[in-house]
N, C-alpha and C. Protein backbone atom coordinates (compact mmCIF):
# COMPACT_ATOMS: atom_id res chain seq x y z
N UNK A 1 -12.87 12.39 9.72
CA UNK A 1 -13.13 12.01 11.04
C UNK A 1 -12.98 13.25 12.01
N UNK A 2 -13.96 13.36 12.72
CA UNK A 2 -13.96 14.52 13.67
C UNK A 2 -13.19 14.48 15.00
N UNK A 3 -12.96 15.43 15.63
CA UNK A 3 -12.19 15.40 16.88
C UNK A 3 -13.01 14.65 17.93
N UNK A 4 -12.27 13.76 18.76
CA UNK A 4 -13.04 13.10 19.80
C UNK A 4 -13.37 14.12 20.92
N UNK A 5 -14.50 13.94 21.53
CA UNK A 5 -14.92 14.68 22.68
C UNK A 5 -13.99 14.41 23.89
N UNK A 6 -13.78 15.35 24.78
CA UNK A 6 -13.04 15.06 26.02
C UNK A 6 -13.96 14.32 26.91
N UNK A 7 -13.35 13.46 27.70
CA UNK A 7 -14.18 12.62 28.46
C UNK A 7 -13.69 12.88 30.02
N UNK A 8 -14.63 13.34 30.68
CA UNK A 8 -14.33 13.75 32.11
C UNK A 8 -14.87 12.48 33.10
N UNK A 9 -13.99 12.11 33.94
CA UNK A 9 -14.22 11.07 34.95
C UNK A 9 -14.05 11.61 36.24
N UNK A 10 -15.21 11.21 37.11
CA UNK A 10 -15.11 11.76 38.44
C UNK A 10 -14.32 10.76 39.32
N UNK A 11 -13.42 11.34 40.18
CA UNK A 11 -12.68 10.48 40.95
C UNK A 11 -13.10 10.80 42.52
N UNK A 12 -13.46 9.73 43.20
CA UNK A 12 -13.91 9.96 44.60
C UNK A 12 -13.08 9.07 45.60
N UNK A 13 -12.42 9.72 46.60
CA UNK A 13 -11.71 8.91 47.69
C UNK A 13 -12.68 8.33 48.58
N UNK A 14 -12.11 7.69 49.52
CA UNK A 14 -13.03 7.00 50.64
C UNK A 14 -13.79 8.15 51.41
N UNK A 15 -12.93 9.17 51.74
CA UNK A 15 -13.38 10.28 52.33
C UNK A 15 -14.57 10.90 51.63
N UNK A 16 -14.46 11.13 50.31
CA UNK A 16 -15.54 11.59 49.46
C UNK A 16 -16.74 10.82 49.73
N UNK A 17 -16.60 9.43 49.34
CA UNK A 17 -17.76 8.49 49.50
C UNK A 17 -18.39 8.51 50.82
N UNK A 18 -17.56 8.60 52.02
CA UNK A 18 -18.23 8.71 53.28
C UNK A 18 -18.95 10.10 53.47
N UNK A 19 -18.48 11.06 52.94
CA UNK A 19 -19.10 12.42 53.03
C UNK A 19 -20.52 12.53 52.29
N UNK A 20 -20.73 11.45 51.70
CA UNK A 20 -22.25 11.33 50.95
C UNK A 20 -23.25 11.01 52.12
N UNK A 21 -22.65 10.67 53.36
CA UNK A 21 -23.42 10.34 54.38
C UNK A 21 -24.66 9.57 54.06
N UNK A 22 -24.46 8.50 53.39
CA UNK A 22 -25.63 7.64 53.06
C UNK A 22 -26.32 7.00 54.39
N UNK A 23 -27.55 6.96 54.42
CA UNK A 23 -28.25 6.54 55.53
C UNK A 23 -28.67 5.07 55.43
N UNK A 24 -28.93 4.44 56.52
CA UNK A 24 -29.14 2.92 56.47
C UNK A 24 -30.41 2.75 55.53
N UNK A 25 -31.49 3.40 55.72
CA UNK A 25 -32.68 3.28 54.74
C UNK A 25 -32.38 3.53 53.31
N UNK A 26 -31.49 4.40 53.00
CA UNK A 26 -31.08 4.70 51.58
C UNK A 26 -30.30 3.43 51.16
N UNK A 27 -29.34 2.96 51.85
CA UNK A 27 -28.63 1.81 51.42
C UNK A 27 -29.37 0.58 51.36
N UNK A 28 -30.25 0.41 52.38
CA UNK A 28 -31.30 -0.79 52.18
C UNK A 28 -32.15 -0.77 51.07
N UNK A 29 -32.61 0.41 50.70
CA UNK A 29 -33.52 0.58 49.66
C UNK A 29 -32.77 0.29 48.23
N UNK A 30 -31.53 0.74 48.13
CA UNK A 30 -30.73 0.46 46.88
C UNK A 30 -30.27 -0.92 46.84
N UNK A 31 -30.06 -1.63 47.90
CA UNK A 31 -29.62 -3.06 47.92
C UNK A 31 -30.93 -3.86 47.62
N UNK A 32 -32.00 -3.52 48.27
CA UNK A 32 -33.16 -4.38 47.96
C UNK A 32 -33.63 -4.23 46.58
N UNK A 33 -33.55 -3.14 45.97
CA UNK A 33 -33.86 -2.91 44.55
C UNK A 33 -32.86 -3.77 43.61
N UNK A 34 -31.73 -3.74 43.99
CA UNK A 34 -30.70 -4.63 43.32
C UNK A 34 -31.01 -6.16 43.42
N UNK A 35 -31.39 -6.58 44.64
CA UNK A 35 -31.78 -7.89 44.96
C UNK A 35 -32.94 -8.42 44.04
N UNK A 36 -33.92 -7.46 44.03
CA UNK A 36 -35.22 -7.62 43.32
C UNK A 36 -34.90 -7.70 41.67
N UNK A 37 -33.89 -6.86 41.34
CA UNK A 37 -33.64 -7.01 39.81
C UNK A 37 -32.93 -8.18 39.58
N UNK A 38 -32.11 -8.79 40.54
CA UNK A 38 -31.37 -10.03 40.32
C UNK A 38 -32.33 -11.04 40.25
N UNK A 39 -33.40 -11.16 41.05
CA UNK A 39 -34.44 -12.13 41.11
C UNK A 39 -35.31 -12.12 39.77
N UNK A 40 -35.40 -10.87 39.13
CA UNK A 40 -36.22 -10.82 38.01
C UNK A 40 -35.38 -11.22 36.75
N UNK A 41 -34.14 -11.30 36.92
CA UNK A 41 -33.29 -11.60 35.71
C UNK A 41 -32.88 -10.52 34.89
N UNK A 42 -32.90 -9.33 35.36
CA UNK A 42 -32.80 -8.06 34.62
C UNK A 42 -31.28 -7.52 35.01
N UNK A 43 -30.50 -8.35 35.56
CA UNK A 43 -29.10 -8.07 35.78
C UNK A 43 -28.15 -9.06 35.32
N UNK A 44 -26.94 -8.57 35.11
CA UNK A 44 -25.84 -9.43 34.55
C UNK A 44 -24.72 -9.31 35.64
N UNK A 45 -24.60 -10.43 36.27
CA UNK A 45 -23.49 -10.58 37.31
C UNK A 45 -22.79 -11.93 37.26
N UNK A 46 -21.69 -11.96 36.78
CA UNK A 46 -20.99 -13.23 36.58
C UNK A 46 -20.21 -13.63 37.87
N UNK A 47 -19.87 -14.92 38.11
CA UNK A 47 -19.10 -15.20 39.31
C UNK A 47 -17.85 -14.49 39.26
N UNK A 48 -17.26 -14.20 40.44
CA UNK A 48 -16.01 -13.50 40.69
C UNK A 48 -14.92 -14.22 39.95
N UNK A 49 -13.99 -13.40 39.35
CA UNK A 49 -12.78 -13.97 38.93
C UNK A 49 -11.73 -13.12 39.73
N UNK A 50 -10.57 -13.79 40.00
CA UNK A 50 -9.55 -13.13 40.81
C UNK A 50 -8.23 -13.65 40.75
N UNK A 51 -7.32 -12.98 41.40
CA UNK A 51 -6.08 -13.53 41.67
C UNK A 51 -5.70 -13.54 43.05
N UNK A 52 -4.77 -14.44 43.54
CA UNK A 52 -4.56 -14.69 44.90
C UNK A 52 -3.08 -14.56 45.23
N UNK A 53 -2.52 -13.34 45.35
CA UNK A 53 -1.08 -13.14 45.71
C UNK A 53 -0.89 -13.54 46.99
N UNK A 54 -0.10 -14.65 47.29
CA UNK A 54 -0.14 -15.11 48.65
C UNK A 54 0.67 -14.12 49.64
N UNK A 55 1.66 -13.49 49.19
CA UNK A 55 2.31 -12.41 50.10
C UNK A 55 2.53 -13.05 51.64
N UNK A 56 1.93 -12.36 52.54
CA UNK A 56 2.08 -12.82 53.94
C UNK A 56 1.04 -13.63 54.35
N UNK A 57 0.00 -13.99 53.54
CA UNK A 57 -1.14 -14.80 54.11
C UNK A 57 -1.72 -15.51 52.88
N UNK A 58 -2.12 -16.87 53.11
CA UNK A 58 -2.56 -17.74 52.04
C UNK A 58 -4.02 -17.33 51.58
N UNK A 59 -4.79 -16.55 52.16
CA UNK A 59 -6.24 -16.19 52.07
C UNK A 59 -6.10 -14.95 51.21
N UNK A 60 -5.06 -14.31 50.89
CA UNK A 60 -5.20 -12.98 50.18
C UNK A 60 -6.02 -13.21 48.80
N UNK A 61 -6.62 -12.16 48.53
CA UNK A 61 -7.26 -12.25 47.03
C UNK A 61 -7.52 -10.75 46.53
N UNK A 62 -7.58 -10.71 45.35
CA UNK A 62 -8.14 -9.53 44.57
C UNK A 62 -9.16 -10.05 43.53
N UNK A 63 -10.47 -9.61 43.59
CA UNK A 63 -11.49 -10.03 42.75
C UNK A 63 -11.89 -9.05 41.79
N UNK A 64 -12.37 -9.40 40.54
CA UNK A 64 -12.93 -8.54 39.64
C UNK A 64 -14.46 -8.99 39.69
N UNK A 65 -15.29 -7.92 39.93
CA UNK A 65 -16.76 -8.21 39.97
C UNK A 65 -17.50 -7.25 39.11
N UNK A 66 -17.77 -7.58 37.79
CA UNK A 66 -18.54 -6.85 36.92
C UNK A 66 -20.05 -7.01 37.24
N UNK A 67 -20.82 -5.99 36.92
CA UNK A 67 -22.28 -6.09 37.01
C UNK A 67 -22.97 -5.13 36.12
N UNK A 68 -24.16 -5.56 35.74
CA UNK A 68 -25.03 -4.54 34.98
C UNK A 68 -26.41 -4.72 35.40
N UNK A 69 -27.12 -3.53 35.92
CA UNK A 69 -28.50 -3.61 36.43
C UNK A 69 -29.23 -2.93 35.35
N UNK A 70 -30.04 -3.69 34.61
CA UNK A 70 -30.74 -3.07 33.46
C UNK A 70 -31.75 -2.03 33.85
N UNK A 71 -32.65 -2.30 34.84
CA UNK A 71 -33.71 -1.33 35.31
C UNK A 71 -33.15 -0.22 36.07
N UNK A 72 -31.99 -0.45 36.78
CA UNK A 72 -31.34 0.69 37.45
C UNK A 72 -30.52 1.58 36.53
N UNK A 73 -30.16 1.11 35.34
CA UNK A 73 -29.35 1.73 34.42
C UNK A 73 -27.94 1.87 34.93
N UNK A 74 -27.32 0.92 35.78
CA UNK A 74 -26.04 0.92 36.19
C UNK A 74 -25.20 -0.07 35.70
N UNK A 75 -23.90 0.18 35.54
CA UNK A 75 -23.06 -0.80 34.99
C UNK A 75 -21.68 -0.36 35.52
N UNK A 76 -20.93 -1.46 35.91
CA UNK A 76 -19.59 -1.20 36.36
C UNK A 76 -18.84 -2.40 36.87
N UNK A 77 -17.70 -2.18 37.44
CA UNK A 77 -16.79 -3.12 37.86
C UNK A 77 -16.15 -2.81 39.24
N UNK A 78 -16.26 -3.76 40.10
CA UNK A 78 -15.55 -3.64 41.50
C UNK A 78 -14.38 -4.36 41.32
N UNK A 79 -13.15 -3.88 41.86
CA UNK A 79 -11.82 -4.53 41.90
C UNK A 79 -11.51 -4.40 43.37
N UNK A 80 -11.68 -5.43 44.13
CA UNK A 80 -11.55 -5.38 45.55
C UNK A 80 -10.65 -6.64 46.03
N UNK A 81 -9.88 -6.11 47.00
CA UNK A 81 -9.00 -7.12 47.69
C UNK A 81 -9.15 -7.25 49.09
N UNK A 82 -8.66 -8.47 49.59
CA UNK A 82 -8.70 -8.72 51.04
C UNK A 82 -7.36 -9.18 51.37
N UNK A 83 -6.57 -8.44 52.28
CA UNK A 83 -5.27 -8.97 52.71
C UNK A 83 -5.34 -9.05 54.15
N UNK A 84 -5.35 -10.36 54.73
CA UNK A 84 -5.44 -10.45 56.17
C UNK A 84 -4.35 -9.75 57.06
N UNK A 85 -3.16 -9.66 56.51
CA UNK A 85 -2.03 -9.12 57.34
C UNK A 85 -2.01 -7.48 57.29
N UNK A 86 -2.92 -6.91 56.54
CA UNK A 86 -2.86 -5.50 56.47
C UNK A 86 -3.19 -4.78 57.75
N UNK A 87 -4.07 -5.24 58.55
CA UNK A 87 -4.34 -4.45 59.80
C UNK A 87 -3.09 -4.27 60.76
N UNK A 88 -2.28 -5.37 60.67
CA UNK A 88 -0.99 -5.32 61.48
C UNK A 88 -0.02 -4.31 60.94
N UNK A 89 -0.24 -3.85 59.65
CA UNK A 89 0.54 -2.87 58.97
C UNK A 89 -0.06 -1.50 59.10
N UNK A 90 -1.23 -1.33 59.91
CA UNK A 90 -1.78 -0.22 59.92
C UNK A 90 -2.66 0.14 58.56
N UNK A 91 -3.03 -0.91 57.80
CA UNK A 91 -3.77 -0.72 56.59
C UNK A 91 -5.08 -1.36 56.85
N UNK A 92 -6.07 -1.19 55.89
CA UNK A 92 -7.34 -1.81 56.06
C UNK A 92 -7.21 -3.31 55.36
N UNK A 93 -7.99 -4.14 55.88
CA UNK A 93 -8.03 -5.57 55.23
C UNK A 93 -8.53 -5.54 53.99
N UNK A 94 -9.66 -4.90 53.76
CA UNK A 94 -10.40 -4.83 52.44
C UNK A 94 -10.28 -3.27 51.78
N UNK A 95 -9.76 -3.46 50.60
CA UNK A 95 -9.42 -2.17 49.84
C UNK A 95 -9.92 -2.42 48.35
N UNK A 96 -10.13 -1.34 47.61
CA UNK A 96 -10.54 -1.63 46.41
C UNK A 96 -11.04 -0.30 45.59
N UNK A 97 -11.36 -0.38 44.30
CA UNK A 97 -11.91 0.67 43.60
C UNK A 97 -13.14 0.19 42.94
N UNK A 98 -14.04 1.00 42.53
CA UNK A 98 -15.10 0.72 41.52
C UNK A 98 -15.16 1.63 40.56
N UNK A 99 -15.41 1.02 39.38
CA UNK A 99 -15.56 1.98 38.07
C UNK A 99 -16.98 2.00 37.72
N UNK A 100 -17.65 3.05 37.63
CA UNK A 100 -19.08 3.18 37.02
C UNK A 100 -19.04 3.56 35.57
N UNK A 101 -19.67 2.86 34.70
CA UNK A 101 -19.79 3.03 33.28
C UNK A 101 -21.11 3.57 32.84
N UNK A 102 -21.14 4.43 31.80
CA UNK A 102 -22.40 4.64 31.09
C UNK A 102 -22.94 3.47 30.38
N UNK A 103 -24.14 2.84 30.74
CA UNK A 103 -24.52 1.63 30.00
C UNK A 103 -24.82 1.80 28.56
N UNK A 104 -25.01 3.12 28.10
CA UNK A 104 -25.26 3.38 26.57
C UNK A 104 -23.95 3.51 25.84
N UNK A 105 -22.93 4.05 26.52
CA UNK A 105 -21.84 4.33 25.68
C UNK A 105 -20.68 3.43 26.11
N UNK A 106 -20.63 2.83 27.32
CA UNK A 106 -19.42 2.22 27.99
C UNK A 106 -18.43 3.12 28.49
N UNK A 107 -18.62 4.47 28.35
CA UNK A 107 -17.56 5.33 28.86
C UNK A 107 -17.55 5.39 30.35
N UNK A 108 -16.35 5.42 31.02
CA UNK A 108 -16.25 5.54 32.34
C UNK A 108 -16.79 6.80 32.85
N UNK A 109 -17.66 6.74 33.82
CA UNK A 109 -18.19 7.95 34.50
C UNK A 109 -17.46 8.38 35.80
N UNK A 110 -17.17 7.30 36.62
CA UNK A 110 -16.60 7.58 37.87
C UNK A 110 -15.72 6.45 38.21
N UNK A 111 -14.70 6.71 39.04
CA UNK A 111 -13.80 5.68 39.65
C UNK A 111 -13.67 6.21 41.13
N UNK A 112 -14.15 5.24 42.06
CA UNK A 112 -14.19 5.54 43.34
C UNK A 112 -13.76 4.39 44.22
N UNK A 113 -13.38 4.86 45.53
CA UNK A 113 -13.14 3.97 46.57
C UNK A 113 -14.19 3.08 46.88
N UNK A 114 -14.11 1.85 47.01
CA UNK A 114 -15.17 0.85 47.28
C UNK A 114 -15.21 0.10 48.70
N UNK A 115 -14.12 0.34 49.31
CA UNK A 115 -14.15 -0.25 50.66
C UNK A 115 -15.19 0.03 51.57
N UNK A 116 -15.49 1.35 51.78
CA UNK A 116 -16.57 1.72 52.55
C UNK A 116 -18.01 1.27 52.12
N UNK A 117 -18.16 1.41 50.75
CA UNK A 117 -19.46 0.90 50.17
C UNK A 117 -19.62 -0.48 50.25
N UNK A 118 -18.49 -1.33 50.17
CA UNK A 118 -18.60 -2.77 50.33
C UNK A 118 -19.13 -3.03 51.76
N UNK A 119 -18.56 -2.37 52.73
CA UNK A 119 -19.10 -2.54 54.23
C UNK A 119 -20.54 -2.35 54.35
N UNK A 120 -21.10 -1.28 53.76
CA UNK A 120 -22.43 -0.92 53.84
C UNK A 120 -23.38 -1.96 53.08
N UNK A 121 -22.83 -2.30 51.74
CA UNK A 121 -23.74 -3.33 51.01
C UNK A 121 -23.86 -4.59 51.67
N UNK A 122 -22.52 -5.26 52.14
CA UNK A 122 -22.58 -6.41 52.82
C UNK A 122 -23.43 -6.43 53.95
N UNK A 123 -23.31 -5.40 54.83
CA UNK A 123 -24.20 -5.34 56.09
C UNK A 123 -25.67 -5.18 55.65
N UNK A 124 -25.90 -4.51 54.74
CA UNK A 124 -27.41 -4.41 54.23
C UNK A 124 -27.96 -5.70 53.81
N UNK A 125 -27.09 -6.46 53.05
CA UNK A 125 -27.67 -7.83 52.49
C UNK A 125 -27.89 -8.72 53.78
N UNK A 126 -27.03 -8.73 54.69
CA UNK A 126 -27.16 -9.60 55.96
C UNK A 126 -28.48 -9.16 56.60
N UNK A 127 -28.61 -7.80 56.86
CA UNK A 127 -29.80 -7.44 57.61
C UNK A 127 -31.08 -7.55 56.89
N UNK A 128 -31.09 -7.48 55.60
CA UNK A 128 -32.28 -7.62 54.73
C UNK A 128 -32.70 -9.23 55.01
N UNK A 129 -31.66 -10.16 54.83
CA UNK A 129 -31.91 -11.47 55.07
C UNK A 129 -32.42 -11.71 56.41
N UNK A 130 -31.82 -11.16 57.48
CA UNK A 130 -32.23 -11.52 58.86
C UNK A 130 -33.71 -10.95 59.17
N UNK A 131 -33.94 -9.81 58.48
CA UNK A 131 -35.33 -9.15 58.60
C UNK A 131 -36.28 -10.23 58.12
N UNK A 132 -36.07 -10.77 57.09
CA UNK A 132 -36.86 -11.73 56.35
C UNK A 132 -37.00 -13.12 56.96
N UNK A 133 -35.94 -13.56 57.66
CA UNK A 133 -35.78 -14.95 58.00
C UNK A 133 -35.73 -15.08 59.54
N UNK A 134 -35.37 -14.04 60.26
CA UNK A 134 -35.30 -14.26 61.79
C UNK A 134 -36.56 -14.46 62.44
N UNK A 135 -36.62 -15.14 63.47
CA UNK A 135 -37.76 -15.34 64.24
C UNK A 135 -38.43 -14.01 64.62
N UNK A 136 -39.67 -14.07 64.71
CA UNK A 136 -40.37 -12.63 65.06
C UNK A 136 -39.99 -12.34 66.53
N UNK A 137 -39.79 -13.39 67.42
CA UNK A 137 -39.50 -13.06 68.74
C UNK A 137 -37.97 -12.99 69.07
N UNK A 138 -37.04 -12.95 68.13
CA UNK A 138 -35.58 -12.73 68.30
C UNK A 138 -35.28 -11.57 69.17
N UNK A 139 -34.57 -11.79 70.18
CA UNK A 139 -34.25 -10.68 71.04
C UNK A 139 -32.74 -10.40 71.25
N UNK A 140 -31.97 -11.59 70.88
CA UNK A 140 -30.52 -11.52 70.98
C UNK A 140 -29.74 -11.64 69.75
N UNK A 141 -28.79 -10.84 69.62
CA UNK A 141 -27.99 -10.88 68.51
C UNK A 141 -26.57 -11.21 68.84
N UNK A 142 -26.08 -12.17 68.14
CA UNK A 142 -24.46 -12.63 68.40
C UNK A 142 -23.70 -12.02 67.28
N UNK A 143 -22.66 -11.45 67.48
CA UNK A 143 -21.75 -10.99 66.34
C UNK A 143 -20.39 -11.40 66.49
N UNK A 144 -19.94 -12.24 65.63
CA UNK A 144 -18.58 -12.69 65.73
C UNK A 144 -17.67 -11.93 64.79
N UNK A 145 -16.86 -11.17 65.20
CA UNK A 145 -15.95 -10.39 64.41
C UNK A 145 -16.33 -8.97 64.59
N UNK A 146 -15.42 -8.13 65.08
CA UNK A 146 -15.76 -6.75 65.34
C UNK A 146 -14.87 -5.82 64.66
N UNK A 147 -14.53 -6.12 63.45
CA UNK A 147 -13.79 -5.14 62.49
C UNK A 147 -14.71 -4.24 61.87
N UNK A 148 -14.35 -3.64 60.75
CA UNK A 148 -15.07 -2.80 59.97
C UNK A 148 -16.49 -3.49 59.68
N UNK A 149 -16.45 -4.60 59.16
CA UNK A 149 -17.62 -5.28 58.71
C UNK A 149 -18.50 -5.54 59.93
N UNK A 150 -17.89 -5.90 61.00
CA UNK A 150 -18.81 -6.15 62.22
C UNK A 150 -19.43 -4.87 62.81
N UNK A 151 -18.83 -3.78 62.67
CA UNK A 151 -19.46 -2.52 62.97
C UNK A 151 -20.57 -2.11 62.13
N UNK A 152 -20.27 -2.39 60.90
CA UNK A 152 -21.31 -2.02 59.95
C UNK A 152 -22.67 -3.01 60.08
N UNK A 153 -22.39 -4.28 60.46
CA UNK A 153 -23.44 -5.31 60.53
C UNK A 153 -24.26 -4.94 61.81
N UNK A 154 -23.52 -4.52 62.83
CA UNK A 154 -24.19 -4.22 64.10
C UNK A 154 -25.22 -3.04 63.82
N UNK A 155 -24.77 -2.06 63.11
CA UNK A 155 -25.62 -0.90 62.80
C UNK A 155 -26.75 -1.20 62.02
N UNK A 156 -26.62 -2.03 60.96
CA UNK A 156 -27.69 -2.40 60.07
C UNK A 156 -28.68 -3.42 60.68
N UNK A 157 -28.16 -4.38 61.32
CA UNK A 157 -29.04 -5.48 62.09
C UNK A 157 -29.86 -4.81 63.20
N UNK A 158 -29.27 -3.98 64.01
CA UNK A 158 -30.09 -3.41 65.03
C UNK A 158 -31.08 -2.35 64.37
N UNK A 159 -30.83 -1.82 63.27
CA UNK A 159 -31.82 -0.82 62.59
C UNK A 159 -33.03 -1.66 62.12
N UNK A 160 -32.60 -2.81 61.37
CA UNK A 160 -33.59 -3.62 60.63
C UNK A 160 -34.32 -4.57 61.55
N UNK A 161 -33.88 -4.87 62.74
CA UNK A 161 -34.47 -5.77 63.70
C UNK A 161 -34.78 -5.05 65.02
N UNK A 162 -35.68 -4.15 65.09
CA UNK A 162 -35.84 -3.34 66.33
C UNK A 162 -36.24 -4.00 67.71
N UNK A 163 -36.44 -5.44 67.48
CA UNK A 163 -36.89 -6.28 68.68
C UNK A 163 -35.63 -6.67 69.37
N UNK A 164 -34.38 -6.51 68.79
CA UNK A 164 -33.18 -6.86 69.42
C UNK A 164 -33.01 -6.10 70.78
N UNK A 165 -32.80 -6.85 71.79
CA UNK A 165 -32.61 -6.10 73.12
C UNK A 165 -31.20 -6.38 73.74
N UNK A 166 -30.48 -7.36 73.13
CA UNK A 166 -29.20 -7.65 73.73
C UNK A 166 -28.19 -8.04 72.50
N UNK A 167 -27.07 -7.42 72.65
CA UNK A 167 -26.07 -7.97 71.60
C UNK A 167 -24.84 -8.42 72.22
N UNK A 168 -24.33 -9.65 71.74
CA UNK A 168 -23.21 -10.30 72.26
C UNK A 168 -22.11 -10.27 71.34
N UNK A 169 -20.93 -9.60 71.64
CA UNK A 169 -19.78 -9.37 70.71
C UNK A 169 -18.75 -10.36 70.99
N UNK A 170 -18.01 -10.86 69.88
CA UNK A 170 -16.90 -11.58 70.05
C UNK A 170 -15.85 -11.24 68.96
N UNK A 171 -14.67 -10.99 69.28
CA UNK A 171 -13.56 -10.84 68.35
C UNK A 171 -12.44 -11.52 68.92
N UNK A 172 -11.42 -12.00 67.98
CA UNK A 172 -10.22 -12.54 68.45
C UNK A 172 -9.31 -11.53 69.25
N UNK A 173 -9.66 -10.26 68.83
CA UNK A 173 -8.88 -9.16 69.62
C UNK A 173 -9.88 -8.48 70.51
N UNK A 174 -9.83 -8.80 71.86
CA UNK A 174 -10.85 -8.23 72.68
C UNK A 174 -10.97 -6.64 72.68
N UNK A 175 -10.05 -6.01 72.24
CA UNK A 175 -10.05 -4.60 72.09
C UNK A 175 -10.90 -4.23 71.00
N UNK A 176 -10.93 -5.11 69.89
CA UNK A 176 -11.91 -4.79 68.76
C UNK A 176 -13.38 -4.92 69.26
N UNK A 177 -13.69 -5.95 70.14
CA UNK A 177 -15.07 -6.03 70.69
C UNK A 177 -15.39 -4.86 71.56
N UNK A 178 -14.38 -4.45 72.42
CA UNK A 178 -14.62 -3.34 73.21
C UNK A 178 -14.88 -2.02 72.54
N UNK A 179 -14.18 -1.80 71.45
CA UNK A 179 -14.29 -0.67 70.66
C UNK A 179 -15.70 -0.70 70.03
N UNK A 180 -16.20 -1.76 69.42
CA UNK A 180 -17.53 -1.89 68.95
C UNK A 180 -18.63 -1.56 70.19
N UNK A 181 -18.42 -2.05 71.20
CA UNK A 181 -19.29 -2.00 72.38
C UNK A 181 -19.46 -0.47 72.62
N UNK A 182 -18.34 0.29 72.64
CA UNK A 182 -18.33 1.58 73.03
C UNK A 182 -19.07 2.40 71.98
N UNK A 183 -18.91 2.07 70.62
CA UNK A 183 -19.63 2.69 69.52
C UNK A 183 -21.03 2.55 69.54
N UNK A 184 -21.45 1.26 69.98
CA UNK A 184 -22.92 0.95 69.92
C UNK A 184 -23.83 1.72 70.82
N UNK A 185 -23.24 2.37 71.90
CA UNK A 185 -23.92 3.17 72.82
C UNK A 185 -24.60 4.34 72.07
N UNK A 186 -24.05 4.85 70.94
CA UNK A 186 -24.48 5.98 70.15
C UNK A 186 -25.86 5.59 69.47
N UNK A 187 -26.13 4.35 69.09
CA UNK A 187 -27.23 3.85 68.25
C UNK A 187 -28.14 2.81 68.83
N UNK A 188 -27.62 2.03 69.94
CA UNK A 188 -28.25 0.90 70.38
C UNK A 188 -28.68 1.14 71.86
N UNK A 189 -29.94 0.98 72.24
CA UNK A 189 -30.26 1.33 73.66
C UNK A 189 -30.21 0.07 74.47
N UNK A 190 -30.03 -1.08 73.89
CA UNK A 190 -30.06 -2.39 74.70
C UNK A 190 -28.71 -2.72 75.30
N UNK A 191 -28.74 -3.91 75.86
CA UNK A 191 -27.41 -4.36 76.56
C UNK A 191 -26.46 -4.80 75.55
N UNK A 192 -25.17 -4.56 75.68
CA UNK A 192 -24.01 -5.09 74.94
C UNK A 192 -23.12 -5.76 75.82
N UNK A 193 -22.94 -7.01 75.40
CA UNK A 193 -22.02 -7.94 76.29
C UNK A 193 -20.85 -8.26 75.40
N UNK A 194 -19.70 -8.44 75.92
CA UNK A 194 -18.49 -8.95 75.20
C UNK A 194 -18.40 -10.34 75.68
N UNK A 195 -18.47 -11.34 74.68
CA UNK A 195 -18.56 -12.78 74.84
C UNK A 195 -17.03 -13.16 75.14
């Protein structure tokens, strides 16, 4: 029996993932491709399984989300959690890691932070659905929730729905809505109102 080869696994932090500087068109193209693959039945994606450590909030969860995209040659697992009390602790609500595996050998290729990518992917799916389903004359976007997901959704929705002229923001924390309104000035020329 021969010696086993050394296996190298790439580790990427959230900062490393963010440094990739993925653009909205790049993310939308990747997500659309995955959705098409799902509709063609060439992916394997089972319902989430998870655990629910109650801790300080009854809605806490950590879910395992495996997937295999045959045409894309992508295989892996996302292990992601949401803990509602984390922001009060100075921690993000959504955290997790993703493991990418070689679909031919099963060997792990990379382990990386998935919280930022989750924000991008979730916003891209919403924006793709809105682009396909929104009325052609839609001019006003209402956004409830101005945390990380809300910020990502605003970027993607205004990019994919160029007819939007006004955004109305609401958050249980007014300062959250004010922060998103200030950020929006960098990429949205329309009116931003806090509801």
